[in-house]
């Protein structure tokens, strides 16, 4: 029998992420699991500090997003989803900074997540050009199941 204890819902606040949220809540209720809600503030600088002209002390953590931005993102998560967590006993809201697929996989490993739910396509064209699809990269690298939720209205139309 499959049992999920820690479910990770990833949101970029897109339309497909909204659809994925409903599935995440359903699975949370079905398995009485802890639901982690994660948003990643995109910053490639965290991983490419060597391309900056100025000296960066390698022994110090470099700030790539200030606390105000991180706190605002966490408040956005809570205000958008917090009141809609019917019968989800445990919910954790988190914000990370970095390349989304890297931070999603890192968070999932750190918190022993056994199921990741996210929208099949997000809002960032830059990510697709630079890193490929976030959901594709997560699915390839995650240690657990990954569910990608697609908007049926955006389904591919087969040629006649």
N, C-alpha and C. Protein backbone atom coordinates (compact mmCIF):
# COMPACT_ATOMS: atom_id res chain seq x y z
N UNK A 1 0.84 -1.18 0.00
CA UNK A 1 0.00 0.00 0.00
C UNK A 1 0.89 1.26 0.00
N UNK A 2 0.53 2.21 -0.83
CA UNK A 2 1.29 3.46 -0.91
C UNK A 2 0.81 4.40 0.19
N UNK A 3 1.76 4.99 0.90
CA UNK A 3 1.43 5.99 1.90
C UNK A 3 2.38 7.16 1.75
N UNK A 4 1.83 8.34 1.73
CA UNK A 4 2.64 9.54 1.67
C UNK A 4 2.55 10.25 3.02
N UNK A 5 3.71 10.66 3.53
CA UNK A 5 3.74 11.36 4.81
C UNK A 5 4.08 12.84 4.65
N UNK A 6 4.90 13.15 3.65
CA UNK A 6 5.31 14.53 3.38
C UNK A 6 5.09 14.84 1.91
N UNK A 7 4.14 15.71 1.64
CA UNK A 7 3.83 16.09 0.26
C UNK A 7 4.32 17.51 0.04
N UNK A 8 5.01 17.72 -1.07
CA UNK A 8 5.52 19.05 -1.42
C UNK A 8 4.73 19.60 -2.59
N UNK A 9 4.09 20.73 -2.35
CA UNK A 9 3.39 21.46 -3.41
C UNK A 9 4.25 22.65 -3.78
N UNK A 10 4.59 22.79 -5.06
CA UNK A 10 5.43 23.88 -5.54
C UNK A 10 4.57 24.87 -6.31
N UNK A 11 4.69 26.15 -5.95
CA UNK A 11 3.87 27.16 -6.61
C UNK A 11 4.73 28.27 -7.19
N UNK A 12 4.43 28.61 -8.44
CA UNK A 12 4.98 29.83 -9.03
C UNK A 12 3.84 30.83 -9.26
N UNK A 13 2.69 30.54 -8.66
CA UNK A 13 1.48 31.37 -8.72
C UNK A 13 0.88 31.40 -10.13
N UNK A 14 1.20 30.44 -10.96
CA UNK A 14 0.63 30.36 -12.31
C UNK A 14 -0.72 29.65 -12.26
N UNK A 15 -1.41 29.64 -13.40
CA UNK A 15 -2.71 28.99 -13.51
C UNK A 15 -2.60 27.49 -13.28
N UNK A 16 -1.58 26.86 -13.84
CA UNK A 16 -1.42 25.42 -13.65
C UNK A 16 -1.00 25.09 -12.23
N UNK A 17 -0.26 25.97 -11.59
CA UNK A 17 0.08 25.77 -10.18
C UNK A 17 -1.19 25.79 -9.34
N UNK A 18 -2.12 26.65 -9.69
CA UNK A 18 -3.40 26.71 -8.98
C UNK A 18 -4.15 25.39 -9.11
N UNK A 19 -4.14 24.81 -10.30
CA UNK A 19 -4.79 23.51 -10.50
C UNK A 19 -4.09 22.43 -9.68
N UNK A 20 -2.78 22.49 -9.63
CA UNK A 20 -2.01 21.50 -8.86
C UNK A 20 -2.31 21.61 -7.37
N UNK A 21 -2.60 22.82 -6.90
CA UNK A 21 -2.91 23.03 -5.48
C UNK A 21 -4.09 22.16 -5.05
N UNK A 22 -5.13 22.10 -5.86
CA UNK A 22 -6.32 21.31 -5.52
C UNK A 22 -5.96 19.82 -5.37
N UNK A 23 -5.07 19.35 -6.21
CA UNK A 23 -4.62 17.96 -6.11
C UNK A 23 -3.78 17.75 -4.86
N UNK A 24 -2.92 18.72 -4.55
CA UNK A 24 -2.07 18.61 -3.36
C UNK A 24 -2.93 18.52 -2.09
N UNK A 25 -3.97 19.35 -2.00
CA UNK A 25 -4.86 19.32 -0.84
C UNK A 25 -5.59 17.98 -0.78
N UNK A 26 -6.04 17.48 -1.92
CA UNK A 26 -6.73 16.20 -1.97
C UNK A 26 -5.83 15.07 -1.45
N UNK A 27 -4.59 15.03 -1.91
CA UNK A 27 -3.66 13.99 -1.46
C UNK A 27 -3.31 14.16 0.02
N UNK A 28 -3.18 15.40 0.46
CA UNK A 28 -2.91 15.68 1.87
C UNK A 28 -4.03 15.11 2.75
N UNK A 29 -5.26 15.34 2.34
CA UNK A 29 -6.41 14.84 3.10
C UNK A 29 -6.48 13.31 3.03
N UNK A 30 -6.27 12.78 1.85
CA UNK A 30 -6.38 11.34 1.63
C UNK A 30 -5.39 10.54 2.47
N UNK A 31 -4.17 11.07 2.60
CA UNK A 31 -3.11 10.34 3.32
C UNK A 31 -2.82 10.93 4.69
N UNK A 32 -3.56 11.95 5.10
CA UNK A 32 -3.32 12.63 6.37
C UNK A 32 -1.83 13.01 6.48
N UNK A 33 -1.32 13.58 5.41
CA UNK A 33 0.10 13.90 5.30
C UNK A 33 0.36 15.36 5.65
N UNK A 34 1.62 15.65 5.94
CA UNK A 34 2.06 17.04 6.12
C UNK A 34 2.21 17.63 4.73
N UNK A 35 1.67 18.84 4.54
CA UNK A 35 1.77 19.50 3.24
C UNK A 35 2.75 20.66 3.33
N UNK A 36 3.79 20.59 2.51
CA UNK A 36 4.77 21.66 2.41
C UNK A 36 4.42 22.49 1.19
N UNK A 37 4.29 23.81 1.36
CA UNK A 37 4.00 24.71 0.25
C UNK A 37 5.25 25.54 0.01
N UNK A 38 5.82 25.42 -1.18
CA UNK A 38 7.11 26.04 -1.49
C UNK A 38 7.02 26.96 -2.69
N UNK A 39 7.64 28.12 -2.56
CA UNK A 39 7.83 29.03 -3.69
C UNK A 39 9.32 29.34 -3.77
N UNK A 40 9.86 29.31 -4.99
CA UNK A 40 11.28 29.62 -5.18
C UNK A 40 11.41 30.94 -5.92
N UNK A 41 12.11 31.88 -5.28
CA UNK A 41 12.45 33.14 -5.93
C UNK A 41 13.64 32.87 -6.83
N UNK A 42 13.47 33.10 -8.11
CA UNK A 42 14.51 32.73 -9.07
C UNK A 42 15.73 33.63 -8.96
N UNK A 43 16.89 33.01 -8.80
CA UNK A 43 18.15 33.72 -8.84
C UNK A 43 19.26 32.76 -9.23
N UNK A 44 19.75 32.92 -10.45
CA UNK A 44 20.87 32.11 -10.89
C UNK A 44 22.18 32.56 -10.28
N UNK A 45 22.21 33.79 -9.78
CA UNK A 45 23.44 34.35 -9.21
C UNK A 45 23.97 33.49 -8.07
N UNK A 46 23.09 32.87 -7.32
CA UNK A 46 23.50 32.03 -6.19
C UNK A 46 24.49 30.95 -6.64
N UNK A 47 24.37 30.49 -7.88
CA UNK A 47 25.20 29.41 -8.37
C UNK A 47 26.30 29.89 -9.31
N UNK A 48 26.28 31.17 -9.69
CA UNK A 48 27.23 31.68 -10.69
C UNK A 48 27.98 32.90 -10.18
N UNK A 49 28.40 32.88 -8.94
CA UNK A 49 29.05 34.04 -8.36
C UNK A 49 30.37 34.35 -9.06
N UNK A 50 30.95 33.39 -9.75
CA UNK A 50 32.23 33.60 -10.43
C UNK A 50 32.11 34.54 -11.64
N UNK A 51 30.90 34.83 -12.10
CA UNK A 51 30.74 35.70 -13.27
C UNK A 51 30.62 37.18 -12.89
N UNK A 52 30.63 37.47 -11.60
CA UNK A 52 30.51 38.84 -11.13
C UNK A 52 31.89 39.48 -11.10
N UNK A 53 31.97 40.74 -11.52
CA UNK A 53 33.26 41.43 -11.59
C UNK A 53 33.89 41.71 -10.23
N UNK A 54 33.05 41.96 -9.23
CA UNK A 54 33.60 42.34 -7.93
C UNK A 54 33.97 41.10 -7.12
N UNK A 55 34.86 41.28 -6.15
CA UNK A 55 35.29 40.18 -5.30
C UNK A 55 34.16 39.73 -4.39
N UNK A 56 33.97 38.43 -4.29
CA UNK A 56 32.99 37.86 -3.39
C UNK A 56 33.73 36.90 -2.47
N UNK A 57 33.66 37.15 -1.17
CA UNK A 57 34.32 36.29 -0.19
C UNK A 57 33.67 34.92 -0.21
N UNK A 58 34.40 33.87 -0.62
CA UNK A 58 33.79 32.53 -0.75
C UNK A 58 33.39 31.92 0.59
N UNK A 59 33.90 32.43 1.70
CA UNK A 59 33.56 31.87 3.01
C UNK A 59 32.24 32.41 3.55
N UNK A 60 31.68 33.42 2.89
CA UNK A 60 30.44 34.03 3.37
C UNK A 60 29.29 33.70 2.42
N UNK A 61 28.12 33.53 3.01
CA UNK A 61 26.92 33.35 2.21
C UNK A 61 26.54 34.70 1.61
N UNK A 62 26.38 34.74 0.32
CA UNK A 62 26.02 35.99 -0.35
C UNK A 62 24.52 36.13 -0.40
N UNK A 63 24.02 37.30 -0.07
CA UNK A 63 22.58 37.56 -0.13
C UNK A 63 22.18 37.77 -1.59
N UNK A 64 21.24 36.97 -2.06
CA UNK A 64 20.76 37.13 -3.43
C UNK A 64 19.33 37.63 -3.46
N UNK A 65 18.69 37.66 -2.32
CA UNK A 65 17.36 38.26 -2.17
C UNK A 65 17.28 38.77 -0.74
N UNK A 66 16.76 39.96 -0.58
CA UNK A 66 16.71 40.51 0.78
C UNK A 66 15.53 39.92 1.55
N UNK A 67 15.58 40.11 2.86
CA UNK A 67 14.55 39.56 3.74
C UNK A 67 13.16 40.07 3.41
N UNK A 68 13.07 41.31 2.95
CA UNK A 68 11.76 41.89 2.60
C UNK A 68 11.12 41.10 1.48
N UNK A 69 11.88 40.78 0.45
CA UNK A 69 11.37 40.02 -0.69
C UNK A 69 10.98 38.61 -0.28
N UNK A 70 11.80 37.97 0.52
CA UNK A 70 11.51 36.62 1.00
C UNK A 70 10.26 36.61 1.87
N UNK A 71 10.17 37.56 2.80
CA UNK A 71 9.00 37.65 3.67
C UNK A 71 7.72 37.92 2.87
N UNK A 72 7.82 38.77 1.84
CA UNK A 72 6.65 39.07 1.01
C UNK A 72 6.20 37.82 0.26
N UNK A 73 7.13 37.04 -0.25
CA UNK A 73 6.78 35.80 -0.96
C UNK A 73 6.11 34.81 -0.02
N UNK A 74 6.60 34.73 1.21
CA UNK A 74 5.97 33.83 2.18
C UNK A 74 4.56 34.31 2.54
N UNK A 75 4.39 35.60 2.69
CA UNK A 75 3.06 36.15 2.96
C UNK A 75 2.11 35.89 1.78
N UNK A 76 2.63 36.00 0.56
CA UNK A 76 1.82 35.71 -0.63
C UNK A 76 1.35 34.25 -0.63
N UNK A 77 2.25 33.34 -0.27
CA UNK A 77 1.88 31.92 -0.18
C UNK A 77 0.77 31.73 0.85
N UNK A 78 0.96 32.31 2.02
CA UNK A 78 0.00 32.14 3.11
C UNK A 78 -1.36 32.75 2.76
N UNK A 79 -1.35 33.94 2.16
CA UNK A 79 -2.62 34.58 1.86
C UNK A 79 -3.35 33.89 0.71
N UNK A 80 -2.62 33.36 -0.25
CA UNK A 80 -3.26 32.70 -1.39
C UNK A 80 -3.79 31.31 -1.03
N UNK A 81 -3.03 30.57 -0.21
CA UNK A 81 -3.38 29.17 0.03
C UNK A 81 -3.79 28.84 1.47
N UNK A 82 -3.37 29.63 2.42
CA UNK A 82 -3.56 29.29 3.83
C UNK A 82 -4.99 29.00 4.24
N UNK A 83 -5.93 29.80 3.80
CA UNK A 83 -7.32 29.61 4.20
C UNK A 83 -8.00 28.47 3.45
N UNK A 84 -7.32 27.90 2.46
CA UNK A 84 -7.93 26.84 1.64
C UNK A 84 -7.35 25.46 1.94
N UNK A 85 -6.76 25.31 3.10
CA UNK A 85 -6.14 24.03 3.46
C UNK A 85 -7.10 23.19 4.31
N UNK A 86 -8.30 22.99 3.81
CA UNK A 86 -9.33 22.24 4.53
C UNK A 86 -8.80 20.86 4.93
N UNK A 87 -8.93 20.56 6.20
CA UNK A 87 -8.57 19.24 6.74
C UNK A 87 -7.12 18.82 6.50
N UNK A 88 -6.27 19.75 6.19
CA UNK A 88 -4.84 19.45 6.15
C UNK A 88 -4.29 19.82 7.53
N UNK A 89 -3.99 18.82 8.31
CA UNK A 89 -3.61 19.04 9.70
C UNK A 89 -2.31 19.80 9.87
N UNK A 90 -1.36 19.51 9.02
CA UNK A 90 -0.06 20.15 9.15
C UNK A 90 0.33 20.80 7.83
N UNK A 91 0.65 22.08 7.87
CA UNK A 91 1.10 22.79 6.67
C UNK A 91 2.34 23.60 7.02
N UNK A 92 3.28 23.59 6.10
CA UNK A 92 4.53 24.33 6.25
C UNK A 92 4.67 25.22 5.03
N UNK A 93 4.90 26.52 5.25
CA UNK A 93 5.11 27.46 4.15
C UNK A 93 6.60 27.78 4.08
N UNK A 94 7.17 27.70 2.87
CA UNK A 94 8.60 27.94 2.73
C UNK A 94 8.90 28.70 1.45
N UNK A 95 9.95 29.52 1.52
CA UNK A 95 10.44 30.24 0.36
C UNK A 95 11.93 29.99 0.28
N UNK A 96 12.40 29.68 -0.91
CA UNK A 96 13.82 29.48 -1.16
C UNK A 96 14.25 30.43 -2.28
N UNK A 97 15.54 30.65 -2.39
CA UNK A 97 16.09 31.51 -3.43
C UNK A 97 17.09 30.68 -4.23
N UNK A 98 16.99 30.74 -5.55
CA UNK A 98 17.92 30.02 -6.41
C UNK A 98 17.25 29.59 -7.70
N UNK A 99 17.83 28.61 -8.36
CA UNK A 99 17.23 28.04 -9.56
C UNK A 99 16.12 27.10 -9.09
N UNK A 100 14.89 27.29 -9.57
CA UNK A 100 13.76 26.55 -9.02
C UNK A 100 13.94 25.04 -8.92
N UNK A 101 14.35 24.36 -9.98
CA UNK A 101 14.42 22.90 -9.88
C UNK A 101 15.45 22.45 -8.87
N UNK A 102 16.55 23.16 -8.74
CA UNK A 102 17.59 22.80 -7.77
C UNK A 102 17.05 22.95 -6.36
N UNK A 103 16.39 24.07 -6.09
CA UNK A 103 15.89 24.32 -4.74
C UNK A 103 14.72 23.41 -4.39
N UNK A 104 13.90 23.04 -5.36
CA UNK A 104 12.80 22.10 -5.11
C UNK A 104 13.35 20.74 -4.71
N UNK A 105 14.31 20.24 -5.47
CA UNK A 105 14.92 18.94 -5.17
C UNK A 105 15.64 18.99 -3.83
N UNK A 106 16.37 20.06 -3.57
CA UNK A 106 17.07 20.22 -2.30
C UNK A 106 16.09 20.21 -1.12
N UNK A 107 15.01 20.99 -1.24
CA UNK A 107 14.00 21.05 -0.18
C UNK A 107 13.38 19.67 0.04
N UNK A 108 13.05 18.99 -1.04
CA UNK A 108 12.43 17.66 -0.94
C UNK A 108 13.34 16.69 -0.20
N UNK A 109 14.61 16.72 -0.48
CA UNK A 109 15.54 15.82 0.22
C UNK A 109 15.70 16.20 1.68
N UNK A 110 15.83 17.48 1.95
CA UNK A 110 16.02 17.94 3.33
C UNK A 110 14.83 17.61 4.22
N UNK A 111 13.63 17.60 3.67
CA UNK A 111 12.42 17.40 4.46
C UNK A 111 11.79 16.02 4.25
N UNK A 112 12.55 15.10 3.67
CA UNK A 112 12.08 13.73 3.47
C UNK A 112 10.71 13.66 2.79
N UNK A 113 10.56 14.48 1.76
CA UNK A 113 9.33 14.52 0.98
C UNK A 113 9.23 13.23 0.18
N UNK A 114 8.03 12.65 0.12
CA UNK A 114 7.86 11.43 -0.66
C UNK A 114 6.94 11.61 -1.86
N UNK A 115 6.47 12.85 -2.08
CA UNK A 115 5.60 13.10 -3.22
C UNK A 115 5.64 14.60 -3.52
N UNK A 116 5.96 14.96 -4.77
CA UNK A 116 6.01 16.36 -5.20
C UNK A 116 4.88 16.58 -6.20
N UNK A 117 4.11 17.66 -6.00
CA UNK A 117 3.02 18.00 -6.92
C UNK A 117 3.24 19.43 -7.40
N UNK A 118 3.20 19.60 -8.72
CA UNK A 118 3.42 20.93 -9.30
C UNK A 118 2.71 21.05 -10.63
N UNK A 119 2.53 22.29 -11.08
CA UNK A 119 1.94 22.53 -12.39
C UNK A 119 2.87 22.04 -13.50
N UNK A 120 2.29 21.55 -14.58
CA UNK A 120 3.09 20.99 -15.66
C UNK A 120 3.91 22.05 -16.39
N UNK A 121 3.40 23.26 -16.46
CA UNK A 121 4.20 24.34 -17.04
C UNK A 121 3.97 25.58 -16.20
N UNK A 122 5.03 26.30 -15.98
CA UNK A 122 4.95 27.46 -15.09
C UNK A 122 4.89 28.76 -15.85
N UNK A 123 5.27 29.81 -15.16
CA UNK A 123 5.12 31.14 -15.72
C UNK A 123 6.41 31.71 -16.31
N UNK A 124 7.52 31.00 -16.19
CA UNK A 124 8.80 31.60 -16.58
C UNK A 124 9.34 31.06 -17.91
N UNK A 125 9.31 31.90 -18.93
CA UNK A 125 9.92 31.55 -20.21
C UNK A 125 11.44 31.52 -20.11
N UNK A 126 12.01 32.38 -19.26
CA UNK A 126 13.46 32.41 -19.07
C UNK A 126 13.98 31.07 -18.59
N UNK A 127 13.28 30.45 -17.62
CA UNK A 127 13.69 29.15 -17.12
C UNK A 127 13.74 28.11 -18.24
N UNK A 128 12.71 28.11 -19.09
CA UNK A 128 12.65 27.11 -20.16
C UNK A 128 13.83 27.27 -21.11
N UNK A 129 14.20 28.51 -21.41
CA UNK A 129 15.30 28.75 -22.33
C UNK A 129 16.65 28.43 -21.69
N UNK A 130 16.78 28.75 -20.40
CA UNK A 130 18.07 28.59 -19.74
C UNK A 130 18.28 27.20 -19.18
N UNK A 131 17.28 26.66 -18.50
CA UNK A 131 17.45 25.41 -17.77
C UNK A 131 16.57 24.28 -18.28
N UNK A 132 15.66 24.54 -19.20
CA UNK A 132 14.66 23.56 -19.59
C UNK A 132 13.47 23.68 -18.65
N UNK A 133 12.52 22.81 -18.81
CA UNK A 133 11.32 22.84 -17.99
C UNK A 133 11.65 22.51 -16.54
N UNK A 134 11.14 23.31 -15.62
CA UNK A 134 11.38 23.05 -14.19
C UNK A 134 10.82 21.69 -13.80
N UNK A 135 9.60 21.39 -14.22
CA UNK A 135 8.99 20.11 -13.84
C UNK A 135 9.78 18.94 -14.43
N UNK A 136 10.29 19.10 -15.64
CA UNK A 136 11.10 18.04 -16.25
C UNK A 136 12.37 17.82 -15.44
N UNK A 137 13.04 18.89 -15.06
CA UNK A 137 14.26 18.77 -14.28
C UNK A 137 14.00 18.19 -12.89
N UNK A 138 12.90 18.57 -12.27
CA UNK A 138 12.56 18.00 -10.96
C UNK A 138 12.29 16.51 -11.11
N UNK A 139 11.49 16.13 -12.11
CA UNK A 139 11.16 14.72 -12.31
C UNK A 139 12.40 13.87 -12.55
N UNK A 140 13.37 14.40 -13.24
CA UNK A 140 14.60 13.65 -13.53
C UNK A 140 15.51 13.50 -12.31
N UNK A 141 15.44 14.46 -11.40
CA UNK A 141 16.41 14.49 -10.31
C UNK A 141 15.85 14.17 -8.92
N UNK A 142 14.54 14.19 -8.78
CA UNK A 142 13.94 13.95 -7.46
C UNK A 142 14.09 12.49 -7.06
N UNK A 143 14.15 12.27 -5.77
CA UNK A 143 14.28 10.92 -5.21
C UNK A 143 12.90 10.28 -4.98
N UNK A 144 11.83 11.01 -5.30
CA UNK A 144 10.48 10.54 -4.98
C UNK A 144 9.56 10.73 -6.18
N UNK A 145 8.29 10.39 -5.99
CA UNK A 145 7.31 10.57 -7.06
C UNK A 145 7.08 12.05 -7.34
N UNK A 146 6.85 12.37 -8.61
CA UNK A 146 6.55 13.73 -9.03
C UNK A 146 5.30 13.69 -9.89
N UNK A 147 4.33 14.54 -9.55
CA UNK A 147 3.10 14.63 -10.33
C UNK A 147 3.02 16.01 -10.96
N UNK A 148 2.87 16.03 -12.28
CA UNK A 148 2.73 17.29 -13.02
C UNK A 148 1.28 17.43 -13.45
N UNK A 149 0.63 18.51 -13.02
CA UNK A 149 -0.78 18.73 -13.31
C UNK A 149 -0.90 19.69 -14.49
N UNK A 150 -1.61 19.24 -15.51
CA UNK A 150 -1.80 20.03 -16.72
C UNK A 150 -3.22 20.59 -16.76
N UNK A 151 -3.34 21.77 -17.33
CA UNK A 151 -4.64 22.38 -17.56
C UNK A 151 -5.23 21.72 -18.81
N UNK A 152 -6.34 21.00 -18.69
CA UNK A 152 -6.90 20.31 -19.86
C UNK A 152 -7.27 21.25 -21.00
N UNK A 153 -7.55 22.50 -20.70
CA UNK A 153 -7.88 23.46 -21.75
C UNK A 153 -6.67 23.80 -22.63
N UNK A 154 -5.48 23.52 -22.14
CA UNK A 154 -4.28 23.81 -22.91
C UNK A 154 -3.70 22.55 -23.57
N UNK A 155 -4.53 21.52 -23.69
CA UNK A 155 -4.08 20.24 -24.25
C UNK A 155 -3.62 20.42 -25.69
N UNK A 156 -2.62 19.65 -26.06
CA UNK A 156 -2.09 19.65 -27.41
C UNK A 156 -3.15 19.16 -28.38
N UNK A 157 -3.33 19.88 -29.47
CA UNK A 157 -4.30 19.49 -30.49
C UNK A 157 -3.58 18.71 -31.57
N UNK A 158 -4.01 17.48 -31.77
CA UNK A 158 -3.41 16.63 -32.80
C UNK A 158 -3.82 17.14 -34.18
N UNK A 159 -2.88 17.14 -35.12
CA UNK A 159 -3.24 17.55 -36.49
C UNK A 159 -4.19 16.53 -37.11
N UNK A 160 -5.06 17.01 -38.00
CA UNK A 160 -6.03 16.11 -38.66
C UNK A 160 -5.34 15.21 -39.64
